[in-house]
Amino acid sequence: MIKIALVDDNSINQKYFGEKIAVFGDIALLFVSNSGDEFLAKMKGLPMQNWPQVVFMDIQMPGLNGVETIQLAKALYSSIHFIVLTVFEDDETIFNAIQSGASGYLLKHENYLSIKEAITEVLEFGGAPMSPAIARKTLGLLSQRDNSKPAKGSVIETLLSDREREVLTHLVNGYDAKRIAEITGISTLTVRKHIANIYTKLHVNSKAQVISMAHKNKWFNIF
């Protein structure tokens, strides 16, 4: 049985997607989340054997948007494939989604067969399923841009304050709270509060996860 999940704040879209998936007896829709924050909260306490293999992700949602959610989730759950399922087909959205780690990009009008084919493509062939219109745009985008650096407006610029990003930089460089306090000129207690806020905002539990996330997303390039 193939396990999938959907992240979309629109109840009508949730209903239609569920109907499309119900056609297939070998696909189980494990859960639906109304936002990126809700998805990450559900994943945080989920045993690995219960993780979805493929997650279909909307872009525009309250709180964390789809691109930000994928960027965080890929660093925490690297085995999961994320396929964007949205109405947005502008160049910037496509580019940011691909750069965040999305495995594919489909428009919401795609039928149930396209959904099944996308799941098969990422799981069995390691492919990158895209709606035809998106595929054409993507070829042009990749030939025009340098994707060696994170996109402007990275998720940490959105989620973290300037001080939190400064603390995160020192944390990733291996310094403990006491040393960070000496460098930044703030108290150790305040540093620990910043670290706790960073963990909460990035949906992580440990320094090791933060370091892994920073490396995978090349955040060093924007500090």
N, C-alpha and C. Protein backbone atom coordinates (compact mmCIF):
# COMPACT_ATOMS: atom_id res chain seq x y z
N MET A 1 0.84 -1.20 0.00
CA MET A 1 0.00 0.00 0.00
C MET A 1 0.88 1.26 0.00
N ILE A 2 0.62 2.16 -0.92
CA ILE A 2 1.36 3.42 -0.99
C ILE A 2 0.69 4.43 -0.06
N LYS A 3 1.51 5.06 0.78
CA LYS A 3 0.99 5.99 1.78
C LYS A 3 1.26 7.43 1.34
N ILE A 4 0.22 8.24 1.32
CA ILE A 4 0.37 9.63 0.92
C ILE A 4 -0.34 10.55 1.92
N ALA A 5 -0.08 11.85 1.78
CA ALA A 5 -0.75 12.85 2.60
C ALA A 5 -1.01 14.09 1.73
N LEU A 6 -1.92 14.91 2.18
CA LEU A 6 -2.24 16.16 1.47
C LEU A 6 -2.15 17.32 2.44
N VAL A 7 -1.55 18.43 1.99
CA VAL A 7 -1.51 19.66 2.78
C VAL A 7 -2.18 20.75 1.95
N ASP A 8 -3.36 21.16 2.37
CA ASP A 8 -4.15 22.14 1.61
C ASP A 8 -5.20 22.71 2.54
N ASP A 9 -5.33 24.02 2.57
CA ASP A 9 -6.26 24.64 3.51
C ASP A 9 -7.67 24.78 2.96
N ASN A 10 -7.89 24.37 1.72
CA ASN A 10 -9.20 24.51 1.09
C ASN A 10 -9.98 23.21 1.20
N SER A 11 -11.13 23.24 1.86
CA SER A 11 -11.90 22.02 2.10
C SER A 11 -12.44 21.40 0.80
N ILE A 12 -12.73 22.25 -0.18
CA ILE A 12 -13.23 21.73 -1.47
C ILE A 12 -12.11 20.98 -2.19
N ASN A 13 -10.91 21.55 -2.17
CA ASN A 13 -9.77 20.87 -2.78
C ASN A 13 -9.48 19.55 -2.07
N GLN A 14 -9.61 19.55 -0.75
CA GLN A 14 -9.41 18.32 0.01
C GLN A 14 -10.40 17.24 -0.43
N LYS A 15 -11.64 17.63 -0.61
CA LYS A 15 -12.69 16.70 -1.01
C LYS A 15 -12.40 16.11 -2.39
N TYR A 16 -12.09 16.97 -3.37
CA TYR A 16 -11.83 16.51 -4.72
C TYR A 16 -10.61 15.61 -4.78
N PHE A 17 -9.58 15.98 -4.03
CA PHE A 17 -8.37 15.15 -4.03
C PHE A 17 -8.68 13.77 -3.44
N GLY A 18 -9.43 13.75 -2.35
CA GLY A 18 -9.80 12.48 -1.73
C GLY A 18 -10.59 11.59 -2.69
N GLU A 19 -11.46 12.21 -3.48
CA GLU A 19 -12.25 11.44 -4.44
C GLU A 19 -11.36 10.84 -5.54
N LYS A 20 -10.37 11.61 -5.96
CA LYS A 20 -9.44 11.11 -6.98
C LYS A 20 -8.64 9.92 -6.46
N ILE A 21 -8.18 10.02 -5.22
CA ILE A 21 -7.36 8.96 -4.64
C ILE A 21 -8.19 7.72 -4.34
N ALA A 22 -9.47 7.91 -4.00
CA ALA A 22 -10.34 6.79 -3.63
C ALA A 22 -10.53 5.79 -4.78
N VAL A 23 -10.24 6.22 -6.00
CA VAL A 23 -10.36 5.35 -7.17
C VAL A 23 -9.36 4.20 -7.09
N PHE A 24 -8.24 4.43 -6.43
CA PHE A 24 -7.15 3.45 -6.41
C PHE A 24 -7.14 2.66 -5.09
N GLY A 25 -7.15 1.35 -5.22
CA GLY A 25 -7.15 0.51 -4.03
C GLY A 25 -5.80 0.33 -3.40
N ASP A 26 -4.74 0.76 -4.10
CA ASP A 26 -3.38 0.55 -3.57
C ASP A 26 -2.76 1.83 -3.02
N ILE A 27 -3.58 2.88 -2.86
CA ILE A 27 -3.09 4.15 -2.31
C ILE A 27 -3.93 4.52 -1.10
N ALA A 28 -3.25 4.83 0.01
CA ALA A 28 -3.95 5.22 1.24
C ALA A 28 -3.62 6.67 1.57
N LEU A 29 -4.65 7.48 1.71
CA LEU A 29 -4.47 8.87 2.14
C LEU A 29 -4.44 8.86 3.66
N LEU A 30 -3.23 8.96 4.24
CA LEU A 30 -3.06 8.82 5.68
C LEU A 30 -3.71 9.95 6.46
N PHE A 31 -3.46 11.18 5.99
CA PHE A 31 -4.04 12.33 6.69
C PHE A 31 -4.02 13.55 5.78
N VAL A 32 -4.83 14.51 6.17
CA VAL A 32 -4.90 15.80 5.49
C VAL A 32 -4.58 16.89 6.51
N SER A 33 -3.73 17.82 6.14
CA SER A 33 -3.40 18.95 7.01
C SER A 33 -3.87 20.24 6.36
N ASN A 34 -4.30 21.17 7.19
CA ASN A 34 -4.81 22.45 6.68
C ASN A 34 -3.73 23.51 6.51
N SER A 35 -2.52 23.20 6.95
CA SER A 35 -1.42 24.18 6.83
C SER A 35 -0.09 23.45 6.95
N GLY A 36 0.98 24.16 6.58
CA GLY A 36 2.31 23.61 6.74
C GLY A 36 2.66 23.39 8.20
N ASP A 37 2.24 24.31 9.05
CA ASP A 37 2.50 24.17 10.49
C ASP A 37 1.82 22.92 11.05
N GLU A 38 0.59 22.69 10.63
CA GLU A 38 -0.15 21.51 11.10
C GLU A 38 0.52 20.23 10.61
N PHE A 39 0.97 20.24 9.36
CA PHE A 39 1.64 19.06 8.81
C PHE A 39 2.91 18.73 9.60
N LEU A 40 3.74 19.73 9.87
CA LEU A 40 4.97 19.51 10.60
C LEU A 40 4.69 19.06 12.03
N ALA A 41 3.63 19.58 12.62
CA ALA A 41 3.26 19.16 13.98
C ALA A 41 2.83 17.69 14.00
N LYS A 42 2.09 17.26 12.98
CA LYS A 42 1.66 15.86 12.90
C LYS A 42 2.85 14.94 12.67
N MET A 43 3.77 15.37 11.83
CA MET A 43 4.93 14.54 11.52
C MET A 43 5.86 14.40 12.72
N LYS A 44 5.89 15.39 13.56
CA LYS A 44 6.84 15.42 14.67
C LYS A 44 6.70 14.22 15.60
N GLY A 45 5.49 13.76 15.81
CA GLY A 45 5.29 12.63 16.72
C GLY A 45 4.94 11.32 16.03
N LEU A 46 5.15 11.28 14.71
CA LEU A 46 4.73 10.11 13.94
C LEU A 46 5.88 9.11 13.79
N PRO A 47 5.67 7.82 14.13
CA PRO A 47 6.71 6.81 13.93
C PRO A 47 7.09 6.73 12.44
N MET A 48 8.35 6.44 12.17
CA MET A 48 8.85 6.44 10.80
C MET A 48 8.05 5.52 9.89
N GLN A 49 7.60 4.36 10.43
CA GLN A 49 6.86 3.42 9.60
C GLN A 49 5.49 3.95 9.18
N ASN A 50 5.06 5.01 9.83
CA ASN A 50 3.77 5.63 9.50
C ASN A 50 3.91 6.92 8.70
N TRP A 51 5.12 7.24 8.28
CA TRP A 51 5.31 8.43 7.46
C TRP A 51 4.69 8.23 6.08
N PRO A 52 4.11 9.27 5.51
CA PRO A 52 3.68 9.16 4.11
C PRO A 52 4.90 9.09 3.20
N GLN A 53 4.77 8.37 2.09
CA GLN A 53 5.87 8.29 1.13
C GLN A 53 5.87 9.49 0.20
N VAL A 54 4.68 9.99 -0.09
CA VAL A 54 4.52 11.15 -0.96
C VAL A 54 3.55 12.13 -0.30
N VAL A 55 3.91 13.40 -0.31
CA VAL A 55 3.03 14.43 0.24
C VAL A 55 2.73 15.44 -0.86
N PHE A 56 1.44 15.67 -1.10
CA PHE A 56 1.01 16.68 -2.07
C PHE A 56 0.81 17.99 -1.31
N MET A 57 1.45 19.03 -1.81
CA MET A 57 1.56 20.29 -1.04
C MET A 57 1.01 21.48 -1.82
N ASP A 58 0.04 22.16 -1.23
CA ASP A 58 -0.44 23.42 -1.78
C ASP A 58 0.62 24.50 -1.52
N ILE A 59 0.54 25.60 -2.24
CA ILE A 59 1.52 26.68 -2.07
C ILE A 59 1.03 27.75 -1.12
N GLN A 60 -0.11 28.34 -1.41
CA GLN A 60 -0.57 29.48 -0.62
C GLN A 60 -1.46 29.01 0.52
N MET A 61 -0.92 29.11 1.76
CA MET A 61 -1.65 28.70 2.95
C MET A 61 -1.33 29.66 4.08
N PRO A 62 -2.19 29.71 5.09
CA PRO A 62 -1.88 30.56 6.26
C PRO A 62 -0.66 30.01 7.00
N GLY A 63 0.10 30.91 7.63
CA GLY A 63 1.30 30.47 8.32
C GLY A 63 2.39 30.13 7.32
N LEU A 64 3.05 29.00 7.50
CA LEU A 64 4.07 28.55 6.55
C LEU A 64 3.42 28.26 5.20
N ASN A 65 3.98 28.80 4.13
CA ASN A 65 3.44 28.44 2.82
C ASN A 65 4.06 27.12 2.38
N GLY A 66 3.64 26.62 1.22
CA GLY A 66 4.09 25.32 0.77
C GLY A 66 5.58 25.23 0.54
N VAL A 67 6.16 26.26 -0.05
CA VAL A 67 7.60 26.27 -0.33
C VAL A 67 8.40 26.22 0.98
N GLU A 68 8.00 27.04 1.95
CA GLU A 68 8.69 27.05 3.25
C GLU A 68 8.55 25.71 3.95
N THR A 69 7.37 25.12 3.87
CA THR A 69 7.13 23.84 4.52
C THR A 69 8.00 22.74 3.91
N ILE A 70 8.10 22.72 2.60
CA ILE A 70 8.94 21.72 1.93
C ILE A 70 10.40 21.90 2.32
N GLN A 71 10.85 23.14 2.36
CA GLN A 71 12.25 23.41 2.69
C GLN A 71 12.59 22.88 4.08
N LEU A 72 11.71 23.09 5.04
CA LEU A 72 11.94 22.58 6.39
C LEU A 72 11.80 21.06 6.44
N ALA A 73 10.74 20.56 5.83
CA ALA A 73 10.44 19.12 5.92
C ALA A 73 11.48 18.26 5.23
N LYS A 74 12.03 18.72 4.12
CA LYS A 74 13.02 17.90 3.41
C LYS A 74 14.28 17.70 4.24
N ALA A 75 14.61 18.67 5.07
CA ALA A 75 15.78 18.54 5.93
C ALA A 75 15.52 17.59 7.09
N LEU A 76 14.25 17.44 7.46
CA LEU A 76 13.89 16.57 8.58
C LEU A 76 13.47 15.17 8.13
N TYR A 77 12.84 15.10 6.96
CA TYR A 77 12.29 13.83 6.47
C TYR A 77 12.72 13.64 5.01
N SER A 78 14.00 13.38 4.84
CA SER A 78 14.58 13.36 3.48
C SER A 78 14.03 12.26 2.59
N SER A 79 13.46 11.21 3.18
CA SER A 79 12.95 10.10 2.37
C SER A 79 11.58 10.39 1.76
N ILE A 80 10.93 11.42 2.24
CA ILE A 80 9.59 11.75 1.74
C ILE A 80 9.69 12.58 0.47
N HIS A 81 8.85 12.25 -0.51
CA HIS A 81 8.77 13.03 -1.75
C HIS A 81 7.63 14.04 -1.62
N PHE A 82 7.93 15.28 -1.99
CA PHE A 82 6.92 16.33 -1.95
C PHE A 82 6.57 16.77 -3.37
N ILE A 83 5.29 16.71 -3.69
CA ILE A 83 4.82 17.14 -5.01
C ILE A 83 3.90 18.34 -4.81
N VAL A 84 4.26 19.44 -5.40
CA VAL A 84 3.43 20.64 -5.32
C VAL A 84 2.16 20.41 -6.13
N LEU A 85 1.03 20.76 -5.54
CA LEU A 85 -0.26 20.65 -6.21
C LEU A 85 -0.97 21.98 -6.01
N THR A 86 -0.97 22.81 -7.05
CA THR A 86 -1.40 24.20 -6.86
C THR A 86 -1.99 24.78 -8.14
N VAL A 87 -2.54 25.97 -8.01
CA VAL A 87 -3.05 26.70 -9.18
C VAL A 87 -2.02 27.69 -9.68
N PHE A 88 -0.94 27.88 -8.94
CA PHE A 88 0.05 28.90 -9.29
C PHE A 88 1.07 28.36 -10.29
N GLU A 89 1.27 29.08 -11.38
CA GLU A 89 2.24 28.66 -12.38
C GLU A 89 3.15 29.81 -12.81
N ASP A 90 3.34 30.80 -11.93
CA ASP A 90 4.25 31.89 -12.25
C ASP A 90 5.69 31.42 -12.05
N ASP A 91 6.61 32.06 -12.74
CA ASP A 91 8.01 31.62 -12.76
C ASP A 91 8.63 31.57 -11.37
N GLU A 92 8.40 32.60 -10.58
CA GLU A 92 9.04 32.69 -9.26
C GLU A 92 8.58 31.56 -8.35
N THR A 93 7.28 31.28 -8.37
CA THR A 93 6.75 30.21 -7.52
C THR A 93 7.31 28.86 -7.93
N ILE A 94 7.37 28.61 -9.23
CA ILE A 94 7.92 27.34 -9.72
C ILE A 94 9.37 27.19 -9.30
N PHE A 95 10.15 28.24 -9.53
CA PHE A 95 11.58 28.19 -9.22
C PHE A 95 11.81 27.95 -7.73
N ASN A 96 11.09 28.67 -6.89
CA ASN A 96 11.26 28.53 -5.45
C ASN A 96 10.85 27.14 -4.97
N ALA A 97 9.79 26.59 -5.57
CA ALA A 97 9.34 25.24 -5.19
C ALA A 97 10.38 24.20 -5.53
N ILE A 98 10.96 24.30 -6.71
CA ILE A 98 11.98 23.34 -7.14
C ILE A 98 13.21 23.47 -6.25
N GLN A 99 13.58 24.70 -5.96
CA GLN A 99 14.76 24.94 -5.14
C GLN A 99 14.56 24.46 -3.70
N SER A 100 13.33 24.45 -3.24
CA SER A 100 13.05 24.02 -1.87
C SER A 100 13.18 22.52 -1.69
N GLY A 101 13.17 21.78 -2.80
CA GLY A 101 13.30 20.32 -2.71
C GLY A 101 12.09 19.55 -3.20
N ALA A 102 11.15 20.23 -3.84
CA ALA A 102 9.98 19.53 -4.37
C ALA A 102 10.39 18.53 -5.45
N SER A 103 9.77 17.36 -5.43
CA SER A 103 10.07 16.32 -6.43
C SER A 103 9.27 16.51 -7.71
N GLY A 104 8.18 17.26 -7.62
CA GLY A 104 7.34 17.47 -8.80
C GLY A 104 6.44 18.67 -8.61
N TYR A 105 5.74 19.04 -9.68
CA TYR A 105 4.92 20.25 -9.64
C TYR A 105 3.72 20.03 -10.57
N LEU A 106 2.54 19.85 -9.98
CA LEU A 106 1.33 19.61 -10.75
C LEU A 106 0.31 20.72 -10.50
N LEU A 107 -0.46 21.01 -11.52
CA LEU A 107 -1.56 21.95 -11.37
C LEU A 107 -2.80 21.19 -10.88
N LYS A 108 -3.65 21.87 -10.15
CA LYS A 108 -4.76 21.20 -9.47
C LYS A 108 -5.81 20.63 -10.41
N HIS A 109 -5.81 21.05 -11.66
CA HIS A 109 -6.83 20.52 -12.57
C HIS A 109 -6.47 19.13 -13.10
N GLU A 110 -5.27 18.63 -12.78
CA GLU A 110 -4.86 17.32 -13.27
C GLU A 110 -5.84 16.24 -12.78
N ASN A 111 -6.10 15.25 -13.65
CA ASN A 111 -7.06 14.20 -13.29
C ASN A 111 -6.43 13.13 -12.42
N TYR A 112 -7.24 12.15 -12.02
CA TYR A 112 -6.77 11.12 -11.10
C TYR A 112 -5.66 10.26 -11.68
N LEU A 113 -5.66 10.07 -12.99
CA LEU A 113 -4.60 9.28 -13.61
C LEU A 113 -3.26 10.00 -13.53
N SER A 114 -3.28 11.30 -13.69
CA SER A 114 -2.04 12.09 -13.59
C SER A 114 -1.48 12.05 -12.16
N ILE A 115 -2.38 12.06 -11.18
CA ILE A 115 -1.96 11.95 -9.78
C ILE A 115 -1.27 10.61 -9.54
N LYS A 116 -1.88 9.54 -10.03
CA LYS A 116 -1.30 8.20 -9.85
C LYS A 116 0.04 8.09 -10.58
N GLU A 117 0.10 8.61 -11.79
CA GLU A 117 1.35 8.56 -12.56
C GLU A 117 2.47 9.33 -11.85
N ALA A 118 2.11 10.45 -11.23
CA ALA A 118 3.11 11.25 -10.51
C ALA A 118 3.66 10.47 -9.32
N ILE A 119 2.80 9.79 -8.60
CA ILE A 119 3.23 8.98 -7.46
C ILE A 119 4.16 7.87 -7.92
N THR A 120 3.77 7.19 -8.97
CA THR A 120 4.58 6.10 -9.52
C THR A 120 5.93 6.61 -9.99
N GLU A 121 5.93 7.77 -10.63
CA GLU A 121 7.17 8.31 -11.19
C GLU A 121 8.20 8.64 -10.12
N VAL A 122 7.75 9.24 -9.01
CA VAL A 122 8.73 9.59 -7.97
C VAL A 122 9.17 8.38 -7.16
N LEU A 123 8.26 7.44 -6.92
CA LEU A 123 8.60 6.30 -6.07
C LEU A 123 9.38 5.21 -6.80
N GLU A 124 9.00 4.93 -8.04
CA GLU A 124 9.61 3.81 -8.76
C GLU A 124 10.77 4.24 -9.66
N PHE A 125 10.73 5.46 -10.17
CA PHE A 125 11.73 5.87 -11.14
C PHE A 125 12.56 7.08 -10.71
N GLY A 126 12.24 7.64 -9.55
CA GLY A 126 12.97 8.81 -9.08
C GLY A 126 12.82 10.01 -10.00
N GLY A 127 11.69 10.06 -10.69
CA GLY A 127 11.45 11.13 -11.65
C GLY A 127 10.94 12.41 -11.02
N ALA A 128 10.66 13.38 -11.88
CA ALA A 128 10.17 14.69 -11.43
C ALA A 128 8.91 15.03 -12.22
N PRO A 129 7.77 14.50 -11.80
CA PRO A 129 6.53 14.73 -12.55
C PRO A 129 6.12 16.19 -12.56
N MET A 130 5.73 16.65 -13.75
CA MET A 130 5.28 18.03 -13.88
C MET A 130 4.17 18.11 -14.91
N SER A 131 3.25 19.02 -14.68
CA SER A 131 2.25 19.32 -15.70
C SER A 131 3.00 19.86 -16.92
N PRO A 132 2.54 19.57 -18.13
CA PRO A 132 3.25 20.00 -19.34
C PRO A 132 3.61 21.48 -19.36
N ALA A 133 2.67 22.33 -18.96
CA ALA A 133 2.93 23.77 -18.98
C ALA A 133 4.05 24.14 -18.01
N ILE A 134 4.10 23.45 -16.86
CA ILE A 134 5.14 23.70 -15.87
C ILE A 134 6.49 23.21 -16.37
N ALA A 135 6.50 22.05 -17.01
CA ALA A 135 7.76 21.48 -17.53
C ALA A 135 8.42 22.43 -18.52
N ARG A 136 7.63 23.02 -19.39
CA ARG A 136 8.18 23.95 -20.38
C ARG A 136 8.80 25.17 -19.70
N LYS A 137 8.10 25.70 -18.71
CA LYS A 137 8.62 26.87 -17.99
C LYS A 137 9.88 26.53 -17.22
N THR A 138 9.90 25.33 -16.64
CA THR A 138 11.03 24.93 -15.81
C THR A 138 12.32 24.84 -16.61
N LEU A 139 12.23 24.31 -17.81
CA LEU A 139 13.42 24.22 -18.66
C LEU A 139 14.02 25.59 -18.90
N GLY A 140 13.16 26.55 -19.15
CA GLY A 140 13.64 27.91 -19.38
C GLY A 140 14.23 28.52 -18.13
N LEU A 141 13.59 28.26 -16.98
CA LEU A 141 14.07 28.82 -15.72
C LEU A 141 15.44 28.28 -15.35
N LEU A 142 15.62 26.98 -15.49
CA LEU A 142 16.88 26.36 -15.09
C LEU A 142 18.03 26.79 -15.98
N SER A 143 17.72 27.16 -17.20
CA SER A 143 18.78 27.60 -18.11
C SER A 143 19.17 29.05 -17.86
N GLN A 144 18.30 29.78 -17.16
CA GLN A 144 18.54 31.21 -16.95
C GLN A 144 19.15 31.53 -15.59
N ARG A 145 18.94 30.62 -14.60
CA ARG A 145 19.29 30.97 -13.23
C ARG A 145 20.42 30.13 -12.68
N ASP A 146 21.07 30.71 -11.66
CA ASP A 146 22.08 29.98 -10.90
C ASP A 146 21.42 29.52 -9.61
N ASN A 147 21.20 28.19 -9.50
CA ASN A 147 20.53 27.69 -8.31
C ASN A 147 21.49 27.17 -7.26
N SER A 148 22.72 27.67 -7.27
CA SER A 148 23.69 27.23 -6.28
C SER A 148 23.51 27.95 -4.95
N LYS A 149 22.70 29.00 -4.97
CA LYS A 149 22.44 29.75 -3.75
C LYS A 149 20.95 29.69 -3.44
N PRO A 150 20.60 29.82 -2.17
CA PRO A 150 19.19 29.77 -1.81
C PRO A 150 18.44 30.97 -2.36
N ALA A 151 17.16 30.76 -2.62
CA ALA A 151 16.34 31.82 -3.18
C ALA A 151 16.22 32.99 -2.21
N LYS A 152 16.10 34.16 -2.77
CA LYS A 152 15.88 35.33 -1.94
C LYS A 152 14.60 35.12 -1.14
N GLY A 153 14.61 35.55 0.12
CA GLY A 153 13.44 35.34 0.95
C GLY A 153 13.40 33.93 1.49
N SER A 154 14.57 33.38 1.83
CA SER A 154 14.65 32.04 2.39
C SER A 154 13.74 31.92 3.60
N VAL A 155 13.36 30.68 3.90
CA VAL A 155 12.43 30.45 5.01
C VAL A 155 12.96 31.00 6.33
N ILE A 156 14.28 30.96 6.55
CA ILE A 156 14.78 31.48 7.83
C ILE A 156 14.70 33.00 7.89
N GLU A 157 14.74 33.66 6.73
CA GLU A 157 14.57 35.11 6.73
C GLU A 157 13.13 35.48 7.07
N THR A 158 12.22 34.58 6.73
CA THR A 158 10.81 34.80 7.01
C THR A 158 10.47 34.48 8.46
N LEU A 159 11.02 33.38 8.96
CA LEU A 159 10.62 32.87 10.26
C LEU A 159 11.42 33.44 11.43
N LEU A 160 12.71 33.68 11.20
CA LEU A 160 13.58 34.05 12.32
C LEU A 160 13.91 35.55 12.32
N SER A 161 14.06 36.09 13.51
CA SER A 161 14.48 37.48 13.65
C SER A 161 15.97 37.60 13.35
N ASP A 162 16.45 38.83 13.23
CA ASP A 162 17.88 39.04 12.98
C ASP A 162 18.73 38.42 14.09
N ARG A 163 18.32 38.61 15.34
CA ARG A 163 19.08 38.07 16.46
C ARG A 163 19.05 36.54 16.45
N GLU A 164 17.90 35.97 16.13
CA GLU A 164 17.79 34.50 16.07
C GLU A 164 18.67 33.93 14.97
N ARG A 165 18.75 34.62 13.84
CA ARG A 165 19.62 34.15 12.76
C ARG A 165 21.09 34.25 13.19
N GLU A 166 21.42 35.30 13.94
CA GLU A 166 22.79 35.44 14.44
C GLU A 166 23.14 34.30 15.40
N VAL A 167 22.22 34.01 16.31
CA VAL A 167 22.43 32.90 17.25
C VAL A 167 22.53 31.58 16.51
N LEU A 168 21.67 31.40 15.50
CA LEU A 168 21.69 30.16 14.71
C LEU A 168 23.04 29.99 14.01
N THR A 169 23.59 31.07 13.49
CA THR A 169 24.89 31.01 12.83
C THR A 169 25.96 30.47 13.78
N HIS A 170 26.01 31.01 14.98
CA HIS A 170 27.00 30.57 15.96
C HIS A 170 26.71 29.14 16.43
N LEU A 171 25.44 28.81 16.54
CA LEU A 171 25.06 27.46 16.95
C LEU A 171 25.54 26.42 15.93
N VAL A 172 25.32 26.73 14.67
CA VAL A 172 25.74 25.83 13.60
C VAL A 172 27.26 25.73 13.53
N ASN A 173 27.94 26.80 13.93
CA ASN A 173 29.40 26.79 13.91
C ASN A 173 30.00 26.05 15.11
N GLY A 174 29.13 25.51 15.97
CA GLY A 174 29.61 24.65 17.04
C GLY A 174 29.73 25.28 18.42
N TYR A 175 29.29 26.53 18.57
CA TYR A 175 29.41 27.20 19.86
C TYR A 175 28.24 26.85 20.77
N ASP A 176 28.51 26.76 22.07
CA ASP A 176 27.43 26.52 23.03
C ASP A 176 26.84 27.85 23.47
N ALA A 177 25.80 27.78 24.30
CA ALA A 177 25.07 29.00 24.69
C ALA A 177 25.97 30.00 25.41
N LYS A 178 26.87 29.50 26.26
CA LYS A 178 27.75 30.40 27.01
C LYS A 178 28.67 31.17 26.08
N ARG A 179 29.26 30.47 25.09
CA ARG A 179 30.17 31.11 24.14
C ARG A 179 29.42 32.09 23.24
N ILE A 180 28.21 31.73 22.83
CA ILE A 180 27.40 32.62 21.99
C ILE A 180 27.07 33.90 22.76
N ALA A 181 26.81 33.75 24.05
CA ALA A 181 26.52 34.92 24.88
C ALA A 181 27.72 35.87 24.93
N GLU A 182 28.91 35.29 25.03
CA GLU A 182 30.13 36.11 25.06
C GLU A 182 30.32 36.85 23.75
N ILE A 183 30.05 36.17 22.64
CA ILE A 183 30.26 36.76 21.31
C ILE A 183 29.25 37.87 21.02
N THR A 184 28.01 37.62 21.40
CA THR A 184 26.93 38.55 21.04
C THR A 184 26.69 39.63 22.08
N GLY A 185 27.22 39.43 23.29
CA GLY A 185 27.04 40.44 24.33
C GLY A 185 25.68 40.39 25.01
N ILE A 186 24.99 39.26 24.91
CA ILE A 186 23.72 39.09 25.61
C ILE A 186 23.88 37.98 26.64
N SER A 187 22.92 37.83 27.52
CA SER A 187 23.05 36.85 28.60
C SER A 187 22.88 35.42 28.07
N THR A 188 23.43 34.47 28.80
CA THR A 188 23.29 33.06 28.43
C THR A 188 21.83 32.64 28.43
N LEU A 189 21.07 33.15 29.41
CA LEU A 189 19.65 32.83 29.49
C LEU A 189 18.92 33.30 28.23
N THR A 190 19.25 34.51 27.78
CA THR A 190 18.62 35.05 26.57
C THR A 190 18.99 34.21 25.35
N VAL A 191 20.25 33.79 25.28
CA VAL A 191 20.68 32.93 24.17
C VAL A 191 19.87 31.64 24.17
N ARG A 192 19.69 31.05 25.35
CA ARG A 192 18.93 29.80 25.44
C ARG A 192 17.48 30.01 25.01
N LYS A 193 16.94 31.19 25.33
CA LYS A 193 15.57 31.49 24.89
C LYS A 193 15.50 31.60 23.37
N HIS A 194 16.52 32.24 22.79
CA HIS A 194 16.57 32.34 21.33
C HIS A 194 16.68 30.94 20.70
N ILE A 195 17.51 30.08 21.27
CA ILE A 195 17.67 28.73 20.74
C ILE A 195 16.35 27.96 20.83
N ALA A 196 15.64 28.11 21.94
CA ALA A 196 14.34 27.45 22.10
C ALA A 196 13.35 27.95 21.04
N ASN A 197 13.38 29.27 20.79
CA ASN A 197 12.49 29.84 19.76
C ASN A 197 12.85 29.31 18.37
N ILE A 198 14.14 29.17 18.10
CA ILE A 198 14.61 28.65 16.81
C ILE A 198 14.10 27.22 16.61
N TYR A 199 14.25 26.39 17.65
CA TYR A 199 13.79 25.00 17.56
C TYR A 199 12.28 24.95 17.28
N THR A 200 11.54 25.81 17.97
CA THR A 200 10.08 25.82 17.79
C THR A 200 9.70 26.26 16.39
N LYS A 201 10.29 27.33 15.92
CA LYS A 201 9.94 27.88 14.61
C LYS A 201 10.34 26.96 13.45
N LEU A 202 11.45 26.24 13.64
CA LEU A 202 11.93 25.34 12.57
C LEU A 202 11.44 23.92 12.75
N HIS A 203 10.64 23.69 13.78
CA HIS A 203 10.05 22.36 14.05
C HIS A 203 11.12 21.28 14.22
N VAL A 204 12.15 21.59 14.99
CA VAL A 204 13.21 20.62 15.28
C VAL A 204 13.32 20.43 16.79
N ASN A 205 14.05 19.37 17.17
CA ASN A 205 14.19 19.05 18.59
C ASN A 205 15.62 19.12 19.10
N SER A 206 16.59 19.27 18.19
CA SER A 206 17.97 19.18 18.63
C SER A 206 18.90 20.03 17.78
N LYS A 207 20.09 20.24 18.32
CA LYS A 207 21.13 20.98 17.60
C LYS A 207 21.54 20.23 16.34
N ALA A 208 21.59 18.90 16.43
CA ALA A 208 21.97 18.08 15.28
C ALA A 208 21.01 18.30 14.11
N GLN A 209 19.72 18.40 14.41
CA GLN A 209 18.73 18.63 13.35
C GLN A 209 18.89 20.01 12.73
N VAL A 210 19.19 21.01 13.57
CA VAL A 210 19.40 22.37 13.06
C VAL A 210 20.60 22.41 12.13
N ILE A 211 21.69 21.77 12.53
CA ILE A 211 22.90 21.75 11.71
C ILE A 211 22.65 21.05 10.39
N SER A 212 21.94 19.92 10.44
CA SER A 212 21.60 19.18 9.22
C SER A 212 20.76 20.03 8.29
N MET A 213 19.79 20.72 8.85
CA MET A 213 18.90 21.57 8.07
C MET A 213 19.68 22.72 7.41
N ALA A 214 20.59 23.32 8.15
CA ALA A 214 21.38 24.43 7.62
C ALA A 214 22.26 23.98 6.46
N HIS A 215 22.88 22.81 6.60
CA HIS A 215 23.74 22.29 5.54
C HIS A 215 22.91 21.95 4.29
N LYS A 216 21.82 21.27 4.47
CA LYS A 216 21.02 20.83 3.33
C LYS A 216 20.42 21.99 2.56
N ASN A 217 20.10 23.07 3.27
CA ASN A 217 19.47 24.22 2.61
C ASN A 217 20.46 25.32 2.24
N LYS A 218 21.77 25.07 2.51
CA LYS A 218 22.82 26.03 2.16
C LYS A 218 22.56 27.40 2.77
N TRP A 219 22.12 27.40 4.03
CA TRP A 219 21.82 28.67 4.69
C TRP A 219 23.07 29.48 4.98
N PHE A 220 24.23 28.83 4.99
CA PHE A 220 25.46 29.57 5.27
C PHE A 220 25.66 30.69 4.24
N ASN A 221 25.13 30.50 3.05
CA ASN A 221 25.35 31.49 1.98
C ASN A 221 24.61 32.81 2.23
N ILE A 222 23.66 32.81 3.18
CA ILE A 222 22.91 34.05 3.38
C ILE A 222 23.12 34.62 4.77
N PHE A 223 24.01 34.03 5.56
CA PHE A 223 24.29 34.59 6.88
C PHE A 223 25.22 35.79 6.73
